[in-house]
Amino acid sequence: MIAIRAATPDDAGSIAAIYAPHVLMGTVSFETQPPEARTMRTRMAASEGLYPWLVATQGEAAGGVLGYAYATRFSERDAYRWAVETTIYVADAAQRQGAGRLLYEALVDTLRAQGFAQAIGRIALPSEPSIALHEAVGFRRAGVFREIGWKNGRWIDVGLWQCELAEPDNPPAEPRRFADVGVVRT
């Protein structure tokens, strides 16, 4: 059974291992060198308890991380603080087992409970599986940056997918910290 929980610093090695093949062999990440576990721990800590980092695991016995998803600040400008950028990666061995969808649904539900208004996903194109996953959890195509990244000897387009998490209040309440809300599954 797949379980979803908050990521801990101890998960950083597994997260780095899941991410590395995407960096080295694919075009879904625009990093060119895979970050080490220490770097992942630093990125997790940078969320300062506000932005969620989640992992999917295969029960207690296996203990292995199947995938991870997280949210970060969409932009440094203060007026954007109700918007987040989301990211998800699933281990190759765990593809098509449902972990990605469960993980992304939990991330979206958690962001809603926190009071964020919009979530943005960036997708290196083409990527039908990623598009299908985003759309399955409520994201809709919002635009495309043409030939914005150079990797593996070619220019890559990046699509933007947007998910309305809540009807914005006027004025909006400040988003609640993930540390106070925890993982939400509706």
Protein backbone atom coordinates (compact mmCIF):
# COMPACT_ATOMS: atom_id res chain seq x y z
CA MET A 1 0.00 0.00 0.00
CA ILE A 2 1.30 3.45 -0.92
CA ALA A 3 1.54 5.92 1.96
CA ILE A 4 1.97 9.70 1.70
CA ARG A 5 3.77 11.60 4.44
CA ALA A 6 5.78 14.74 5.06
CA ALA A 7 9.36 14.41 3.89
CA THR A 8 12.08 14.51 6.52
CA PRO A 9 15.79 15.37 6.21
CA ASP A 10 16.45 11.62 6.32
CA ASP A 11 14.64 11.31 2.97
CA ALA A 12 17.10 13.63 1.21
CA GLY A 13 19.27 10.77 -0.05
CA SER A 14 16.29 8.95 -1.57
CA ILE A 15 14.99 12.18 -3.07
CA ALA A 16 18.38 12.93 -4.62
CA ALA A 17 18.55 9.38 -6.03
CA ILE A 18 15.10 9.68 -7.63
CA TYR A 19 15.97 13.06 -9.14
CA ALA A 20 19.46 12.21 -10.47
CA PRO A 21 18.40 10.20 -13.58
CA HIS A 22 16.07 13.02 -14.63
CA VAL A 23 18.95 15.47 -14.41
CA LEU A 24 21.51 13.27 -16.14
CA MET A 25 19.49 11.64 -18.91
CA GLY A 26 16.33 13.60 -19.44
CA THR A 27 15.07 17.03 -20.26
CA VAL A 28 12.38 17.37 -17.59
CA SER A 29 14.87 19.08 -15.28
CA PHE A 30 17.00 21.97 -16.46
CA GLU A 31 19.71 21.24 -13.90
CA THR A 32 22.79 19.70 -15.49
CA GLN A 33 24.45 18.21 -12.40
CA PRO A 34 22.40 16.13 -9.96
CA PRO A 35 22.32 17.63 -6.47
CA GLU A 36 23.59 15.54 -3.57
CA ALA A 37 21.57 14.65 -0.49
CA ARG A 38 23.10 17.59 1.40
CA THR A 39 21.80 20.00 -1.26
CA MET A 40 18.34 18.44 -1.09
CA ARG A 41 18.33 18.85 2.69
CA THR A 42 19.22 22.52 2.20
CA ARG A 43 16.39 22.96 -0.30
CA MET A 44 13.94 21.30 2.06
CA ALA A 45 15.06 23.53 4.94
CA ALA A 46 14.66 26.62 2.73
CA SER A 47 10.90 26.00 2.79
CA GLU A 48 11.08 27.32 6.38
CA GLY A 49 8.01 25.29 7.37
CA LEU A 50 5.76 27.16 4.93
CA TYR A 51 6.00 25.08 1.76
CA PRO A 52 5.27 21.33 1.82
CA TRP A 53 7.66 18.56 0.82
CA LEU A 54 5.89 15.19 0.59
CA VAL A 55 7.04 11.65 -0.15
CA ALA A 56 5.23 8.52 -1.27
CA THR A 57 6.44 5.29 0.30
CA GLN A 58 5.57 1.63 -0.12
CA GLY A 59 4.35 0.84 3.39
CA GLU A 60 6.43 0.59 6.51
CA ALA A 61 8.22 -2.67 5.66
CA ALA A 62 9.80 -1.47 2.42
CA GLY A 63 10.50 2.00 3.74
CA GLY A 64 11.66 3.11 0.32
CA VAL A 65 10.65 6.43 -1.16
CA LEU A 66 8.74 5.97 -4.44
CA GLY A 67 8.48 9.65 -5.28
CA TYR A 68 8.37 13.14 -3.92
CA ALA A 69 6.49 16.38 -4.53
CA TYR A 70 6.93 19.84 -3.16
CA ALA A 71 5.91 23.46 -3.50
CA THR A 72 8.06 26.56 -3.53
CA ARG A 73 7.53 30.26 -3.74
CA PHE A 74 6.30 31.21 -7.22
CA SER A 75 8.10 34.56 -7.23
CA GLU A 76 10.10 36.64 -4.78
CA ARG A 77 7.72 39.60 -5.15
CA ASP A 78 5.48 39.91 -2.08
CA ALA A 79 2.20 40.19 -4.01
CA TYR A 80 2.74 36.65 -5.35
CA ARG A 81 2.80 35.04 -1.90
CA TRP A 82 -0.53 33.25 -2.47
CA ALA A 83 0.90 31.43 -5.52
CA VAL A 84 3.24 28.44 -5.47
CA GLU A 85 5.22 26.46 -8.01
CA THR A 86 4.86 22.71 -7.71
CA THR A 87 7.22 19.89 -8.61
CA ILE A 88 6.87 16.10 -8.64
CA TYR A 89 9.24 13.24 -9.45
CA VAL A 90 8.55 9.51 -9.21
CA ALA A 91 11.21 6.79 -9.30
CA ASP A 92 11.39 5.00 -12.63
CA ALA A 93 10.64 1.68 -10.93
CA ALA A 94 7.45 3.14 -9.41
CA GLN A 95 6.01 4.58 -12.61
CA ARG A 96 2.38 3.66 -13.39
CA GLN A 97 1.68 2.36 -9.88
CA GLY A 98 -0.46 5.34 -8.85
CA ALA A 99 2.11 6.89 -6.52
CA GLY A 100 2.43 10.05 -8.62
CA ARG A 101 -1.28 10.78 -8.63
CA LEU A 102 -1.68 10.07 -4.90
CA LEU A 103 1.30 12.27 -4.14
CA TYR A 104 0.15 15.17 -6.33
CA GLU A 105 -3.42 15.00 -5.02
CA ALA A 106 -2.08 15.20 -1.46
CA LEU A 107 0.12 18.16 -2.39
CA VAL A 108 -2.80 20.04 -3.99
CA ASP A 109 -5.12 19.24 -1.06
CA THR A 110 -2.46 20.42 1.39
CA LEU A 111 -1.88 23.67 -0.50
CA ARG A 112 -5.63 24.32 -0.50
CA ALA A 113 -5.81 23.75 3.25
CA GLN A 114 -2.93 26.17 3.72
CA GLY A 115 -4.85 28.91 1.89
CA PHE A 116 -2.77 29.28 -1.26
CA ALA A 117 -4.78 30.54 -4.24
CA GLN A 118 -2.85 29.30 -7.30
CA ALA A 119 -0.37 26.53 -8.12
CA ILE A 120 1.85 26.61 -11.20
CA GLY A 121 3.52 23.57 -12.73
CA ARG A 122 6.27 23.84 -15.35
CA ILE A 123 6.49 20.98 -17.83
CA ALA A 124 9.36 20.49 -20.27
CA LEU A 125 7.68 19.69 -23.57
CA PRO A 126 6.78 17.26 -24.95
CA SER A 127 5.76 15.18 -21.93
CA GLU A 128 2.34 13.60 -22.29
CA PRO A 129 2.58 11.62 -19.01
CA SER A 130 3.35 14.78 -17.03
CA ILE A 131 0.61 16.74 -18.78
CA ALA A 132 -1.87 13.94 -18.06
CA LEU A 133 -0.88 13.86 -14.37
CA HIS A 134 -1.18 17.62 -13.97
CA GLU A 135 -4.56 17.72 -15.68
CA ALA A 136 -5.83 14.74 -13.66
CA VAL A 137 -5.35 16.72 -10.44
CA GLY A 138 -6.90 19.95 -11.72
CA PHE A 139 -4.19 21.87 -13.58
CA ARG A 140 -5.01 23.53 -16.90
CA ARG A 141 -2.68 24.74 -19.64
CA ALA A 142 -1.81 28.41 -19.10
CA GLY A 143 0.90 29.05 -21.69
CA VAL A 144 4.21 28.04 -23.23
CA PHE A 145 7.68 29.50 -23.13
CA ARG A 146 9.18 28.64 -26.52
CA GLU A 147 12.76 27.35 -26.74
CA ILE A 148 13.65 28.62 -23.30
CA GLY A 149 16.06 25.92 -22.12
CA TRP A 150 19.07 24.34 -23.86
CA LYS A 151 19.82 20.79 -22.76
CA ASN A 152 21.02 17.60 -24.41
CA GLY A 153 21.84 19.42 -27.62
CA ARG A 154 18.48 21.04 -28.26
CA TRP A 155 16.17 23.87 -27.30
CA ILE A 156 13.25 22.86 -25.10
CA ASP A 157 9.84 24.47 -24.72
CA VAL A 158 8.35 24.75 -21.22
CA GLY A 159 4.60 24.64 -20.71
CA LEU A 160 2.91 26.31 -17.79
CA TRP A 161 -0.01 24.57 -16.13
CA GLN A 162 -2.10 26.39 -13.52
CA CYS A 163 -4.41 25.06 -10.82
CA GLU A 164 -6.83 27.36 -9.04
CA LEU A 165 -6.65 26.21 -5.45
CA ALA A 166 -9.22 28.59 -4.00
CA GLU A 167 -11.38 31.53 -4.89
CA PRO A 168 -9.23 34.45 -3.71
CA ASP A 169 -10.67 36.48 -0.83
CA ASN A 170 -10.45 40.27 -0.84
CA PRO A 171 -8.24 40.81 1.08
CA PRO A 172 -6.77 37.30 1.28
CA ALA A 173 -5.74 35.69 4.56
CA GLU A 174 -2.06 34.85 4.86
CA PRO A 175 -1.23 31.26 3.86
CA ARG A 176 -0.86 28.89 6.81
CA ARG A 177 2.44 27.14 7.38
CA PHE A 178 2.79 23.52 6.30
CA ALA A 179 4.35 22.90 9.70
CA ASP A 180 0.95 23.86 11.22
CA VAL A 181 -1.31 22.12 8.67
CA GLY A 182 0.49 18.85 7.89
CA VAL A 183 -0.33 16.51 5.02
CA VAL A 184 -3.97 16.81 3.95
CA ARG A 185 -5.84 14.16 1.96
CA THR A 186 -9.46 14.87 1.03
